[in-house]
Amino acid sequence: MEKLHVYNSLTRRKEVFEPISPPFVGMYVCGPTVYGDAHLGHARPAITFDVVYRYLRHLGYKVRYVRNITDVGHLENDADEGEDKIAKKAKLEQLEPMEVAQYYTDRYHEVMQMLNVLRPSIEPRATGHIPEQIRMIEKIIENGFAYVVNGSVYLDVVKYAQYYKYGELSGRENLDELLSGSRELEGQTEKKNPFDFALWKKASPEHIMRWQSPWGEGFPGWHIECSAMSIKYLGECTDIHGGGMDLKFPHHEAEIAQTNACLHPHPPRNEAKYWMHNNLVTINGQKMGKSLGNFITLEQFFSGNHPLLLRSYSPMTIRFFILQSHYRSTLDFSNDALTAAEKGLQRLLNGLRLAKELKTSPITTFDLNAYKASLYAAMNDDFNSAMVIAQLFEGIRLINAIDQGMEKITASDLEAFISLLNTFTFDILGLKQEIEDVTPRLEAVMNILIELRNEARKNKNYALSDAIRDKLAQNKILLKDTPEGTRWQFAPTE
């Protein structure tokens, strides 16, 4: 089997995945800032790295997956000035900031569970790691890469760039260009340079969230939390660091800089061996985000309660919609695309049900090993879920061909075939049948209805026969008469 290849955002090429200490794999993914409900843009990284997590475990790796909760330090517009997003929400709602953080953390967990996203191994909160962040900042100051001014601490990017490449991840390696792109910040005279970034901020009198530090009362910068928690739980250099493409700059670039500034290694470790970034979810070509006000929450997708939605869409439809595109491709929202995803998902699940009813033969007329290799080749090509889905539909085509007598399969191969399809559909892609009662009892009920309909047809009671068929169709259950008998399947919502 071909080795797993991962696209490394740092080197801008696909590389063979070789963990630092196999069979162990460390993976850190930047989680949500919990001041509002999760939207489609939050679902994409969660599902992307859920599939990465599932597949690495499937390959036999022992994965420690860390995904943080940002509950302090993320200021408006991702900048070093302005209000804390959670504190601002707390003022509006007349709540304690931790009430806001807890409420939206719980809401995030609820929708992630609906999307069948596995919980990470560790889910640390920024506020639970203030001492680690302070110690890291002290070390950066000690190494000469940061300066204190008026109770705030900033990383000195010019000094850092004398030893390490700044901007390598995001392609912003020219400091003169950074300077010209930062003119609007020149009024912030605290900084030596506009592109220096905050490690610690002095709390203004009205700032709610504050902690004691060697530099006075304040709060950590947005970037330092991830470096501190990644080092604490995954060591000085982890295997994979992931997140949305919008985090490349400034967040991930700052993480690399402050980690190197703290550890001062030669050569630099860059915090992670492989940097992975999922692309954006867009609406009419524009990034979906809370700051732009063009987002649709996951709860709104599930209920259909949004002006841009023609109706509701189930969690698995959303998951399938996201997985139909490679994680590094942009994903543009539309009702047509979601409806197509819904129909595609139901076609896949119906095909898997049909596979259990196939008749076997003494021979198999297609190359099952080659088909298996095609599924693994797709996943090993940078977790290409879109290609996996295409191969799964090829599997459904084979199922239909066997059902129609155009292909043949032995009993042992059929068992292996079904197991393979189930592994990739349910275990690796994380899809599931959302009709919870697809159980032997439901099968028994459907068999009774089919027998009653067949009896009605035998007695030429076509009114009753048609009524059974039509009533089931109204409830999205379709009957299909075949030479082998009547079968049933779920229909997608129109």
Protein backbone atom coordinates (compact mmCIF):
# COMPACT_ATOMS: atom_id res chain seq x y z
CA MET A 1 0.00 0.00 0.00
CA GLU A 2 1.24 3.47 -0.89
CA LYS A 3 2.38 5.61 2.03
CA LEU A 4 0.30 8.45 3.39
CA HIS A 5 1.22 11.83 1.89
CA VAL A 6 0.30 15.12 3.58
CA TYR A 7 0.37 18.59 2.07
CA ASN A 8 2.59 20.68 4.33
CA SER A 9 1.58 24.35 4.27
CA LEU A 10 5.06 25.29 5.50
CA THR A 11 6.95 23.71 2.60
CA ARG A 12 4.06 24.06 0.13
CA ARG A 13 4.34 20.48 -1.10
CA LYS A 14 3.06 17.01 -0.35
CA GLU A 15 5.36 15.01 1.89
CA VAL A 16 5.42 11.41 3.07
CA PHE A 17 3.93 11.34 6.56
CA GLU A 18 6.63 10.19 8.97
CA PRO A 19 5.79 10.86 12.64
CA ILE A 20 8.48 12.11 14.97
CA SER A 21 8.09 9.15 17.36
CA PRO A 22 6.06 6.40 15.68
CA PRO A 23 3.63 4.84 16.43
CA PHE A 24 2.70 7.97 18.41
CA VAL A 25 1.24 11.00 16.62
CA GLY A 26 0.57 14.39 18.18
CA MET A 27 -1.99 16.67 16.54
CA TYR A 28 -2.97 20.17 17.67
CA VAL A 29 -5.91 21.93 16.01
CA CYS A 30 -7.02 25.47 16.81
CA GLY A 31 -10.54 25.28 18.22
CA PRO A 32 -13.35 27.84 18.50
CA THR A 33 -13.47 31.19 20.25
CA VAL A 34 -16.61 30.60 22.28
CA TYR A 35 -18.65 33.81 22.08
CA GLY A 36 -21.35 32.71 19.64
CA ASP A 37 -22.94 29.69 18.00
CA ALA A 38 -20.84 27.58 15.65
CA HIS A 39 -21.46 28.14 11.93
CA LEU A 40 -20.61 26.25 8.75
CA GLY A 41 -17.11 27.74 8.77
CA HIS A 42 -16.49 26.11 12.16
CA ALA A 43 -17.81 22.77 10.93
CA ARG A 44 -15.22 22.50 8.18
CA PRO A 45 -12.03 22.31 10.30
CA ALA A 46 -13.81 20.17 12.89
CA ILE A 47 -14.85 17.63 10.23
CA THR A 48 -11.58 17.89 8.28
CA PHE A 49 -9.40 17.05 11.27
CA ASP A 50 -11.92 14.53 12.57
CA VAL A 51 -11.30 12.55 9.37
CA VAL A 52 -7.52 12.99 9.79
CA TYR A 53 -7.85 11.72 13.38
CA ARG A 54 -10.03 8.76 12.32
CA TYR A 55 -7.74 7.72 9.46
CA LEU A 56 -4.52 7.96 11.45
CA ARG A 57 -6.08 5.73 14.10
CA HIS A 58 -7.30 3.38 11.37
CA LEU A 59 -3.69 3.08 10.16
CA GLY A 60 -2.69 1.98 13.65
CA TYR A 61 -1.18 5.19 15.01
CA LYS A 62 -1.69 6.12 18.66
CA VAL A 63 -2.97 9.68 18.27
CA ARG A 64 -3.07 12.37 20.94
CA TYR A 65 -5.44 14.96 19.49
CA VAL A 66 -5.50 18.33 21.24
CA ARG A 67 -8.10 20.94 20.24
CA ASN A 68 -8.26 24.07 22.37
CA ILE A 69 -11.11 26.29 23.53
CA THR A 70 -10.27 30.01 23.28
CA ASP A 71 -12.03 31.72 26.18
CA VAL A 72 -9.80 34.78 26.62
CA GLY A 73 -7.44 37.01 24.66
CA HIS A 74 -9.08 36.96 21.23
CA LEU A 75 -9.70 40.64 20.58
CA GLU A 76 -11.94 42.16 17.93
CA ASN A 77 -10.73 41.96 14.33
CA ASP A 78 -7.97 39.53 15.43
CA ALA A 79 -5.88 42.56 16.40
CA ASP A 80 -3.93 43.71 19.48
CA GLU A 81 -6.42 46.44 20.32
CA GLY A 82 -10.14 46.50 21.02
CA GLU A 83 -12.42 44.51 23.27
CA ASP A 84 -12.14 40.83 24.08
CA LYS A 85 -14.82 39.07 22.03
CA ILE A 86 -16.11 37.07 24.99
CA ALA A 87 -16.01 40.00 27.39
CA LYS A 88 -17.92 42.15 24.89
CA LYS A 89 -20.62 39.49 24.62
CA ALA A 90 -20.74 39.21 28.42
CA LYS A 91 -21.39 42.96 28.75
CA LEU A 92 -24.18 42.84 26.18
CA GLU A 93 -25.84 39.88 27.89
CA GLN A 94 -25.09 41.12 31.44
CA LEU A 95 -23.33 37.85 32.24
CA GLU A 96 -19.98 36.79 33.64
CA PRO A 97 -17.51 36.08 30.79
CA MET A 98 -17.16 32.48 31.95
CA GLU A 99 -20.94 32.06 31.71
CA VAL A 100 -20.71 33.09 28.06
CA ALA A 101 -17.74 30.80 27.44
CA GLN A 102 -19.40 27.82 29.13
CA TYR A 103 -22.72 28.32 27.36
CA TYR A 104 -21.20 28.47 23.88
CA THR A 105 -18.73 25.68 24.63
CA ASP A 106 -21.67 23.45 25.51
CA ARG A 107 -23.50 24.55 22.35
CA TYR A 108 -20.39 23.80 20.29
CA HIS A 109 -20.16 20.31 21.75
CA GLU A 110 -23.83 19.66 21.00
CA VAL A 111 -23.56 20.48 17.29
CA MET A 112 -20.25 18.63 16.97
CA GLN A 113 -21.90 15.53 18.38
CA MET A 114 -24.73 15.92 15.85
CA LEU A 115 -22.11 16.09 13.09
CA ASN A 116 -20.57 12.88 14.49
CA VAL A 117 -17.27 14.65 15.23
CA LEU A 118 -15.25 12.67 17.76
CA ARG A 119 -14.11 14.43 20.92
CA PRO A 120 -10.37 15.18 20.95
CA SER A 121 -8.06 13.44 23.41
CA ILE A 122 -7.56 16.71 25.31
CA GLU A 123 -9.57 19.94 25.07
CA PRO A 124 -7.68 22.58 27.09
CA ARG A 125 -8.97 26.08 27.76
CA ALA A 126 -6.84 29.19 27.50
CA THR A 127 -7.97 30.45 30.94
CA GLY A 128 -6.83 27.17 32.48
CA HIS A 129 -3.26 27.71 31.31
CA ILE A 130 -2.41 31.29 32.29
CA PRO A 131 0.67 30.22 34.37
CA GLU A 132 2.10 28.30 31.39
CA GLN A 133 1.60 31.31 29.15
CA ILE A 134 3.26 33.66 31.65
CA ARG A 135 6.28 31.34 31.99
CA MET A 136 6.60 31.15 28.22
CA ILE A 137 6.53 34.95 27.90
CA GLU A 138 9.16 35.28 30.64
CA LYS A 139 11.43 32.92 28.67
CA ILE A 140 10.92 34.90 25.46
CA ILE A 141 11.89 38.11 27.29
CA GLU A 142 14.91 36.34 28.81
CA ASN A 143 16.01 35.25 25.31
CA GLY A 144 15.83 38.86 24.15
CA PHE A 145 12.97 38.51 21.67
CA ALA A 146 10.31 40.55 23.51
CA TYR A 147 10.03 43.91 25.25
CA VAL A 148 7.81 45.33 27.99
CA VAL A 149 6.10 48.68 27.65
CA ASN A 150 3.41 50.14 29.93
CA GLY A 151 2.53 46.72 31.35
CA SER A 152 2.18 45.03 27.96
CA VAL A 153 4.64 42.64 26.32
CA TYR A 154 5.29 42.47 22.58
CA LEU A 155 7.36 40.12 20.46
CA ASP A 156 10.10 42.03 18.63
CA VAL A 157 9.69 40.74 15.07
CA VAL A 158 12.76 42.58 13.74
CA LYS A 159 14.97 41.04 16.43
CA TYR A 160 13.39 37.64 15.84
CA ALA A 161 14.02 37.90 12.08
CA GLN A 162 17.76 38.20 12.75
CA TYR A 163 17.76 34.55 13.84
CA TYR A 164 14.72 32.96 12.19
CA LYS A 165 12.52 33.34 9.14
CA TYR A 166 9.39 35.31 10.01
CA GLY A 167 6.52 34.99 7.57
CA GLU A 168 7.69 31.69 6.05
CA LEU A 169 4.35 29.94 6.61
CA SER A 170 2.18 32.69 5.13
CA GLY A 171 4.61 33.94 2.50
CA ARG A 172 5.07 37.30 4.23
CA GLU A 173 8.85 37.13 4.61
CA ASN A 174 9.62 40.69 3.52
CA LEU A 175 9.52 42.91 6.61
CA ASP A 176 9.44 46.06 4.49
CA GLU A 177 6.25 44.81 2.85
CA LEU A 178 4.83 43.97 6.28
CA LEU A 179 5.65 47.48 7.42
CA SER A 180 3.96 49.05 4.39
CA GLY A 181 0.91 46.88 4.99
CA SER A 182 0.66 47.95 8.62
CA ARG A 183 0.47 51.74 8.30
CA GLU A 184 -2.93 51.92 9.90
CA LEU A 185 -1.39 50.72 13.18
CA GLU A 186 1.26 53.41 13.44
CA GLY A 187 -0.76 55.26 16.05
CA GLN A 188 -0.07 52.44 18.46
CA THR A 189 3.17 53.99 19.65
CA GLU A 190 3.71 51.33 22.31
CA LYS A 191 5.10 49.00 19.66
CA LYS A 192 8.58 49.37 18.21
CA ASN A 193 7.13 48.22 14.90
CA PRO A 194 3.50 47.97 13.78
CA PHE A 195 3.86 44.26 12.99
CA ASP A 196 5.11 43.33 16.47
CA PHE A 197 2.39 41.38 18.24
CA ALA A 198 1.15 41.16 21.82
CA LEU A 199 2.17 38.34 24.10
CA TRP A 200 0.54 40.01 27.11
CA LYS A 201 -1.73 43.04 27.30
CA LYS A 202 -2.20 45.43 30.19
CA ALA A 203 -5.84 45.44 31.24
CA SER A 204 -7.58 48.78 30.97
CA PRO A 205 -9.80 49.73 33.96
CA GLU A 206 -12.96 48.56 32.18
CA HIS A 207 -11.48 45.22 31.04
CA ILE A 208 -13.30 42.41 32.85
CA MET A 209 -10.94 39.47 32.31
CA ARG A 210 -7.57 40.04 34.02
CA TRP A 211 -4.83 38.14 35.83
CA GLN A 212 -1.79 39.07 37.88
CA SER A 213 1.53 38.83 36.06
CA PRO A 214 5.13 40.08 36.49
CA TRP A 215 4.10 43.04 34.34
CA GLY A 216 0.95 43.96 36.26
CA GLU A 217 -2.70 43.01 35.80
CA GLY A 218 -3.54 41.96 32.28
CA PHE A 219 -4.43 39.10 29.99
CA PRO A 220 -2.60 36.94 27.43
CA GLY A 221 -2.48 37.68 23.73
CA TRP A 222 -4.50 35.49 21.41
CA HIS A 223 -1.53 33.64 19.91
CA ILE A 224 0.42 32.62 23.02
CA GLU A 225 -2.26 30.27 24.35
CA CYS A 226 -1.93 27.76 21.52
CA SER A 227 1.85 27.58 21.74
CA ALA A 228 1.76 27.13 25.51
CA MET A 229 -0.88 24.39 25.39
CA SER A 230 0.70 22.62 22.41
CA ILE A 231 4.07 22.46 24.17
CA LYS A 232 2.47 21.33 27.44
CA TYR A 233 0.55 18.41 25.95
CA LEU A 234 2.49 17.52 22.79
CA GLY A 235 6.07 18.58 23.43
CA GLU A 236 8.33 21.16 21.82
CA CYS A 237 7.48 19.98 18.29
CA THR A 238 4.30 18.10 17.43
CA ASP A 239 3.59 16.14 14.28
CA ILE A 240 0.57 18.05 12.94
CA HIS A 241 -0.73 21.53 13.64
CA GLY A 242 -3.99 22.31 11.90
CA GLY A 243 -6.66 24.94 11.45
CA GLY A 244 -8.43 27.10 8.92
CA MET A 245 -6.49 28.86 6.17
CA ASP A 246 -7.51 32.20 7.68
CA LEU A 247 -5.34 31.36 10.69
CA LYS A 248 -2.09 31.20 8.71
CA PHE A 249 -1.54 34.89 9.38
CA PRO A 250 -1.29 36.28 11.92
CA HIS A 251 -2.16 33.44 14.30
CA HIS A 252 -0.06 30.51 13.14
CA GLU A 253 2.80 32.72 11.99
CA ALA A 254 2.87 34.23 15.47
CA GLU A 255 2.77 30.76 17.05
CA ILE A 256 5.88 29.68 15.14
CA ALA A 257 7.70 32.88 16.08
CA GLN A 258 6.93 32.82 19.78
CA THR A 259 7.71 29.09 20.06
CA ASN A 260 11.11 29.55 18.43
CA ALA A 261 11.69 32.69 20.51
CA CYS A 262 10.94 30.74 23.69
CA LEU A 263 12.91 27.59 22.93
CA HIS A 264 15.58 29.34 20.80
CA PRO A 265 16.45 26.14 18.93
CA HIS A 266 18.93 25.78 16.07
CA PRO A 267 17.73 24.79 13.56
CA PRO A 268 14.18 26.05 14.28
CA ARG A 269 11.51 23.49 15.14
CA ASN A 270 8.59 25.62 13.89
CA GLU A 271 6.28 24.08 16.53
CA ALA A 272 5.03 21.38 14.14
CA LYS A 273 6.52 19.10 11.50
CA TYR A 274 3.44 19.30 9.27
CA TRP A 275 1.17 22.35 9.06
CA MET A 276 -2.28 21.60 7.61
CA HIS A 277 -4.89 24.19 6.67
CA ASN A 278 -8.42 23.65 5.41
CA ASN A 279 -9.74 26.19 2.93
CA LEU A 280 -12.62 28.56 3.58
CA VAL A 281 -16.37 28.19 3.35
CA THR A 282 -17.76 31.00 1.22
CA ILE A 283 -21.12 32.57 0.45
CA ASN A 284 -21.21 34.14 -2.99
CA GLY A 285 -17.43 34.02 -3.06
CA GLN A 286 -16.95 35.80 0.29
CA LYS A 287 -15.59 34.13 3.43
CA MET A 288 -18.30 33.07 5.88
CA GLY A 289 -17.59 34.57 9.29
CA LYS A 290 -19.08 36.20 12.36
CA SER A 291 -17.08 39.37 11.83
CA LEU A 292 -18.60 39.76 8.35
CA GLY A 293 -22.14 39.01 9.54
CA ASN A 294 -22.78 36.61 6.65
CA PHE A 295 -22.70 33.36 8.57
CA ILE A 296 -25.36 30.68 8.96
CA THR A 297 -25.17 28.79 12.24
CA LEU A 298 -25.28 25.02 12.24
CA GLU A 299 -28.45 25.13 14.30
CA GLN A 300 -30.04 27.27 11.56
CA PHE A 301 -29.03 24.69 8.95
CA PHE A 302 -30.65 21.96 11.03
CA SER A 303 -33.86 23.96 11.55
CA GLY A 304 -34.00 25.79 8.20
CA ASN A 305 -34.56 29.07 10.08
CA HIS A 306 -32.49 31.49 7.98
CA PRO A 307 -33.43 33.73 5.02
CA LEU A 308 -30.79 32.13 2.76
CA LEU A 309 -32.05 28.60 3.42
CA LEU A 310 -34.89 27.14 1.38
CA ARG A 311 -35.40 24.44 4.03
CA SER A 312 -33.59 22.51 6.73
CA TYR A 313 -30.65 20.18 6.16
CA SER A 314 -29.62 17.32 8.41
CA PRO A 315 -26.23 17.12 10.18
CA MET A 316 -25.09 14.24 7.95
CA THR A 317 -26.04 16.22 4.85
CA ILE A 318 -23.77 19.01 6.10
CA ARG A 319 -20.96 16.54 6.83
CA PHE A 320 -21.30 14.90 3.40
CA PHE A 321 -21.43 18.33 1.72
CA ILE A 322 -18.12 19.28 3.37
CA LEU A 323 -16.44 15.96 2.58
CA GLN A 324 -17.43 16.11 -1.11
CA SER A 325 -14.70 18.72 -1.57
CA HIS A 326 -11.03 18.23 -0.79
CA TYR A 327 -10.22 20.08 2.42
CA ARG A 328 -7.80 22.43 0.62
CA SER A 329 -10.46 23.52 -1.90
CA THR A 330 -12.85 26.40 -1.29
CA LEU A 331 -16.40 25.33 -0.49
CA ASP A 332 -19.18 27.64 -1.66
CA PHE A 333 -22.57 27.41 0.01
CA SER A 334 -25.76 27.05 -2.03
CA ASN A 335 -29.10 25.33 -1.51
CA ASP A 336 -28.60 23.42 -4.76
CA ALA A 337 -25.26 22.05 -3.57
CA LEU A 338 -26.75 20.97 -0.25
CA THR A 339 -29.70 19.29 -1.95
CA ALA A 340 -27.33 17.44 -4.28
CA ALA A 341 -25.26 16.35 -1.27
CA GLU A 342 -28.39 15.09 0.48
CA LYS A 343 -29.38 13.00 -2.54
CA GLY A 344 -25.86 11.68 -2.94
CA LEU A 345 -25.67 10.64 0.71
CA GLN A 346 -28.99 8.82 0.53
CA ARG A 347 -27.92 7.06 -2.65
CA LEU A 348 -24.78 5.86 -0.87
CA LEU A 349 -26.65 4.65 2.21
CA ASN A 350 -29.35 2.93 0.13
CA GLY A 351 -26.62 1.16 -1.83
CA LEU A 352 -25.02 -0.11 1.35
CA ARG A 353 -28.38 -1.51 2.47
CA LEU A 354 -28.84 -3.22 -0.89
CA ALA A 355 -25.40 -4.86 -0.59
CA LYS A 356 -26.68 -6.98 2.31
CA GLU A 357 -29.37 -8.50 0.02
CA LEU A 358 -27.13 -9.45 -2.91
CA LYS A 359 -27.05 -13.00 -4.21
CA THR A 360 -23.60 -14.60 -4.32
CA SER A 361 -21.95 -16.73 -7.02
CA PRO A 362 -19.08 -19.22 -7.26
CA ILE A 363 -16.84 -16.54 -8.80
CA THR A 364 -16.09 -12.82 -8.47
CA THR A 365 -15.90 -11.00 -11.79
CA PHE A 366 -14.19 -7.79 -10.68
CA ASP A 367 -10.87 -7.09 -8.93
CA LEU A 368 -11.78 -6.49 -5.28
CA ASN A 369 -8.15 -5.92 -4.27
CA ALA A 370 -7.77 -3.21 -6.91
CA TYR A 371 -10.94 -1.55 -5.66
CA LYS A 372 -9.65 -1.66 -2.09
CA ALA A 373 -6.35 -0.13 -3.22
CA SER A 374 -8.23 2.73 -4.91
CA LEU A 375 -9.89 3.70 -1.61
CA TYR A 376 -6.61 3.70 0.30
CA ALA A 377 -4.85 5.55 -2.52
CA ALA A 378 -7.43 8.34 -2.25
CA MET A 379 -7.02 8.70 1.53
CA ASN A 380 -3.23 8.44 1.28
CA ASP A 381 -3.25 11.32 -1.20
CA ASP A 382 -3.56 14.03 1.45
CA PHE A 383 -6.84 12.72 2.94
CA ASN A 384 -8.72 13.19 -0.33
CA SER A 385 -12.27 12.63 0.92
CA ALA A 386 -13.73 13.81 -2.39
CA MET A 387 -11.94 11.00 -4.22
CA VAL A 388 -12.92 8.50 -1.52
CA ILE A 389 -16.57 9.42 -2.06
CA ALA A 390 -16.13 9.01 -5.82
CA GLN A 391 -14.70 5.53 -5.20
CA LEU A 392 -17.56 4.69 -2.82
CA PHE A 393 -20.02 5.55 -5.59
CA GLU A 394 -18.03 3.22 -7.84
CA GLY A 395 -18.71 0.63 -5.16
CA ILE A 396 -22.43 1.40 -5.34
CA ARG A 397 -22.26 0.99 -9.13
CA LEU A 398 -20.74 -2.47 -8.58
CA ILE A 399 -23.49 -3.31 -6.07
CA ASN A 400 -26.17 -2.40 -8.61
CA ALA A 401 -24.35 -4.37 -11.32
CA ILE A 402 -24.23 -7.45 -9.08
CA ASP A 403 -27.90 -6.99 -8.25
CA GLN A 404 -28.73 -6.87 -11.97
CA GLY A 405 -26.58 -9.92 -12.78
CA MET A 406 -23.98 -7.92 -14.73
CA GLU A 407 -21.24 -8.69 -12.17
CA LYS A 408 -20.78 -11.64 -9.81
CA ILE A 409 -19.28 -12.00 -6.34
CA THR A 410 -18.53 -14.88 -3.99
CA ALA A 411 -19.91 -15.02 -0.45
CA SER A 412 -16.50 -14.41 1.13
CA ASP A 413 -15.73 -11.51 -1.22
CA LEU A 414 -19.16 -10.00 -0.57
CA GLU A 415 -18.45 -10.03 3.18
CA ALA A 416 -15.07 -8.36 2.60
CA PHE A 417 -16.63 -5.87 0.14
CA ILE A 418 -19.34 -4.82 2.59
CA SER A 419 -16.81 -4.53 5.42
CA LEU A 420 -14.57 -2.33 3.26
CA LEU A 421 -17.43 -0.02 2.24
CA ASN A 422 -18.65 0.27 5.83
CA THR A 423 -15.13 1.01 7.11
CA PHE A 424 -14.60 3.93 4.74
CA THR A 425 -18.16 5.26 4.94
CA PHE A 426 -18.76 5.06 8.68
CA ASP A 427 -15.42 4.63 10.45
CA ILE A 428 -13.16 6.88 8.35
CA LEU A 429 -15.50 9.46 6.79
CA GLY A 430 -17.65 9.42 9.94
CA LEU A 431 -20.99 9.29 8.16
CA LYS A 432 -23.95 7.55 9.75
CA GLN A 433 -27.54 6.63 9.04
CA GLU A 434 -29.66 9.37 10.60
CA ILE A 435 -32.87 7.36 10.71
CA GLU A 436 -32.15 6.04 14.18
CA ASP A 437 -34.56 3.11 14.03
CA VAL A 438 -33.02 1.33 11.04
CA THR A 439 -33.08 -1.79 13.18
CA PRO A 440 -34.39 -5.34 12.86
CA ARG A 441 -37.73 -4.06 14.18
CA LEU A 442 -38.06 -1.53 11.36
CA GLU A 443 -37.01 -4.19 8.86
CA ALA A 444 -39.70 -6.47 10.31
CA VAL A 445 -42.38 -3.76 10.00
CA MET A 446 -41.39 -3.07 6.39
CA ASN A 447 -41.48 -6.78 5.58
CA ILE A 448 -45.02 -7.00 6.99
CA LEU A 449 -46.14 -4.02 4.88
CA ILE A 450 -44.55 -5.50 1.77
CA GLU A 451 -46.29 -8.84 2.43
CA LEU A 452 -49.64 -7.06 2.86
CA ARG A 453 -49.09 -5.15 -0.38
CA ASN A 454 -48.11 -8.32 -2.24
CA GLU A 455 -51.23 -10.06 -0.92
CA ALA A 456 -53.38 -7.12 -2.05
CA ARG A 457 -51.84 -7.27 -5.54
CA LYS A 458 -52.39 -11.03 -5.67
CA ASN A 459 -56.07 -10.43 -4.85
CA LYS A 460 -56.17 -7.63 -7.45
CA ASN A 461 -56.89 -5.08 -4.70
CA TYR A 462 -54.84 -2.45 -6.49
CA ALA A 463 -56.37 0.41 -4.53
CA LEU A 464 -54.92 -0.97 -1.28
CA SER A 465 -51.63 -1.89 -2.96
CA ASP A 466 -51.20 1.62 -4.35
CA ALA A 467 -52.29 3.20 -1.06
CA ILE A 468 -49.55 1.34 0.86
CA ARG A 469 -46.95 2.40 -1.69
CA ASP A 470 -48.14 6.02 -1.80
CA LYS A 471 -48.42 6.42 1.97
CA LEU A 472 -44.86 5.14 2.42
CA ALA A 473 -43.64 7.46 -0.33
CA GLN A 474 -45.23 10.41 1.48
CA ASN A 475 -43.05 9.46 4.45
CA LYS A 476 -39.90 9.25 2.31
CA ILE A 477 -39.80 5.46 2.06
CA LEU A 478 -39.73 4.16 -1.50
CA LEU A 479 -40.77 0.70 -2.66
CA LYS A 480 -39.08 -0.84 -5.69
CA ASP A 481 -40.49 -3.93 -7.39
CA THR A 482 -37.75 -6.18 -8.82
CA PRO A 483 -37.66 -9.75 -10.23
CA GLU A 484 -36.28 -10.84 -6.86
CA GLY A 485 -39.11 -9.19 -4.95
CA THR A 486 -40.01 -5.80 -3.49
CA ARG A 487 -37.31 -3.73 -1.79
CA TRP A 488 -37.53 -0.51 0.20
CA GLN A 489 -35.21 2.43 0.66
CA PHE A 490 -35.20 5.94 2.15
CA ALA A 491 -35.71 8.89 -0.18
CA PRO A 492 -33.94 12.24 0.35
CA THR A 493 -35.97 15.20 1.52
CA GLU A 494 -37.02 17.45 -1.36
